Amino acid sequence: MKKDTNILSCAEFQQIAEHPHLRSCELCRALLADLETIAEAARQLFPIVEPPDELWEQIESAIKNEEGGSDRG
């Protein structure tokens, strides 16, 4: 049975920049460069922001207040 050489494993995909095909294919190198540029632009548009330390306390308090308010009908 012939193995499909167009299928990459997860590990291969994660290390795609080191794939031997990119050494010989200018088109794929250009595509990868474009994708990396797009990914970097997206990271700048949506930076990872750590929530404040007290966030869970505020959520818990809001839930308790909402639960307490529903008993007062």
C-alpha atoms as a PDB file:
ATOM      1  CA  MET A   1       0.000   0.000   0.000  1.00  0.00           C
ATOM      2  CA  LYS A   2       1.402   3.408  -0.989  1.00  0.00           C
ATOM      3  CA  LYS A   3       1.799   5.988   1.778  1.00  0.00           C
ATOM      4  CA  ASP A   4       0.300   9.406   1.015  1.00  0.00           C
ATOM      5  CA  THR A   5       3.307  11.731   1.123  1.00  0.00           C
ATOM      6  CA  ASN A   6       1.104  14.836   1.292  1.00  0.00           C
ATOM      7  CA  ILE A   7      -0.061  14.056   4.830  1.00  0.00           C
ATOM      8  CA  LEU A   8       1.869  15.542   7.760  1.00  0.00           C
ATOM      9  CA  SER A   9       1.769  14.392  11.339  1.00  0.00           C
ATOM     10  CA  CYS A  10       1.094  16.964  14.064  1.00  0.00           C
ATOM     11  CA  ALA A  11       4.784  16.978  14.999  1.00  0.00           C
ATOM     12  CA  GLU A  12       5.815  17.539  11.377  1.00  0.00           C
ATOM     13  CA  PHE A  13       3.310  20.365  10.983  1.00  0.00           C
ATOM     14  CA  GLN A  14       4.519  22.091  14.143  1.00  0.00           C
ATOM     15  CA  GLN A  15       8.057  22.014  12.747  1.00  0.00           C
ATOM     16  CA  ILE A  16       7.041  22.858   9.187  1.00  0.00           C
ATOM     17  CA  ALA A  17       9.742  25.513   8.802  1.00  0.00           C
ATOM     18  CA  GLU A  18      12.314  22.702   8.985  1.00  0.00           C
ATOM     19  CA  HIS A  19      10.579  20.457   6.440  1.00  0.00           C
ATOM     20  CA  PRO A  20      12.915  19.387   3.587  1.00  0.00           C
ATOM     21  CA  HIS A  21      10.355  20.434   0.946  1.00  0.00           C
ATOM     22  CA  LEU A  22      10.760  24.076   1.900  1.00  0.00           C
ATOM     23  CA  ARG A  23      14.426  23.971   0.949  1.00  0.00           C
ATOM     24  CA  SER A  24      13.535  23.284  -2.665  1.00  0.00           C
ATOM     25  CA  CYS A  25      10.181  25.033  -3.139  1.00  0.00           C
ATOM     26  CA  GLU A  26      10.210  28.805  -3.380  1.00  0.00           C
ATOM     27  CA  LEU A  27       6.411  28.961  -3.660  1.00  0.00           C
ATOM     28  CA  CYS A  28       5.879  27.097  -0.382  1.00  0.00           C
ATOM     29  CA  ARG A  29       8.544  29.176   1.379  1.00  0.00           C
ATOM     30  CA  ALA A  30       6.734  32.333   0.256  1.00  0.00           C
ATOM     31  CA  LEU A  31       3.393  30.929   1.422  1.00  0.00           C
ATOM     32  CA  LEU A  32       4.860  30.046   4.820  1.00  0.00           C
ATOM     33  CA  ALA A  33       6.341  33.545   5.142  1.00  0.00           C
ATOM     34  CA  ASP A  34       2.935  35.064   4.331  1.00  0.00           C
ATOM     35  CA  LEU A  35       1.221  32.845   6.909  1.00  0.00           C
ATOM     36  CA  GLU A  36       3.790  33.773   9.553  1.00  0.00           C
ATOM     37  CA  THR A  37       3.237  37.474   8.790  1.00  0.00           C
ATOM     38  CA  ILE A  38      -0.537  37.048   9.115  1.00  0.00           C
ATOM     39  CA  ALA A  39      -0.162  35.128  12.381  1.00  0.00           C
ATOM     40  CA  GLU A  40       2.105  37.813  13.845  1.00  0.00           C
ATOM     41  CA  ALA A  41      -0.336  40.563  12.814  1.00  0.00           C
ATOM     42  CA  ALA A  42      -3.178  38.644  14.480  1.00  0.00           C
ATOM     43  CA  ARG A  43      -1.155  38.302  17.693  1.00  0.00           C
ATOM     44  CA  GLN A  44      -0.625  42.074  17.716  1.00  0.00           C
ATOM     45  CA  LEU A  45      -4.330  42.744  17.150  1.00  0.00           C
ATOM     46  CA  PHE A  46      -5.407  40.404  19.924  1.00  0.00           C
ATOM     47  CA  PRO A  47      -2.683  40.358  22.571  1.00  0.00           C
ATOM     48  CA  ILE A  48      -2.940  37.914  25.430  1.00  0.00           C
ATOM     49  CA  VAL A  49      -4.118  39.810  28.480  1.00  0.00           C
ATOM     50  CA  GLU A  50      -3.949  38.251  31.908  1.00  0.00           C
ATOM     51  CA  PRO A  51      -7.122  38.869  33.923  1.00  0.00           C
ATOM     52  CA  PRO A  52      -6.796  40.705  37.223  1.00  0.00           C
ATOM     53  CA  ASP A  53      -6.176  38.544  40.295  1.00  0.00           C
ATOM     54  CA  GLU A  54      -9.523  39.453  41.832  1.00  0.00           C
ATOM     55  CA  LEU A  55     -11.565  38.399  38.787  1.00  0.00           C
ATOM     56  CA  TRP A  56     -12.696  35.017  40.196  1.00  0.00           C
ATOM     57  CA  GLU A  57     -13.705  36.669  43.469  1.00  0.00           C
ATOM     58  CA  GLN A  58     -15.823  39.170  41.518  1.00  0.00           C
ATOM     59  CA  ILE A  59     -17.446  36.393  39.487  1.00  0.00           C
ATOM     60  CA  GLU A  60     -18.185  34.348  42.602  1.00  0.00           C
ATOM     61  CA  SER A  61     -19.643  37.393  44.341  1.00  0.00           C
ATOM     62  CA  ALA A  62     -21.840  38.222  41.335  1.00  0.00           C
ATOM     63  CA  ILE A  63     -23.149  34.641  41.220  1.00  0.00           C
ATOM     64  CA  LYS A  64     -23.930  34.692  44.956  1.00  0.00           C
ATOM     65  CA  ASN A  65     -25.699  38.044  44.603  1.00  0.00           C
ATOM     66  CA  GLU A  66     -27.745  36.755  41.669  1.00  0.00           C
ATOM     67  CA  GLU A  67     -28.681  33.554  43.513  1.00  0.00           C
ATOM     68  CA  GLY A  68     -29.632  35.526  46.603  1.00  0.00           C
ATOM     69  CA  GLY A  69     -31.757  37.933  44.583  1.00  0.00           C
ATOM     70  CA  SER A  70     -33.793  35.139  42.959  1.00  0.00           C
ATOM     71  CA  ASP A  71     -35.024  33.898  46.369  1.00  0.00           C
ATOM     72  CA  ARG A  72     -36.691  37.227  47.110  1.00  0.00           C
ATOM     73  CA  GLY A  73     -39.652  36.955  44.806  1.00  0.00           C
END
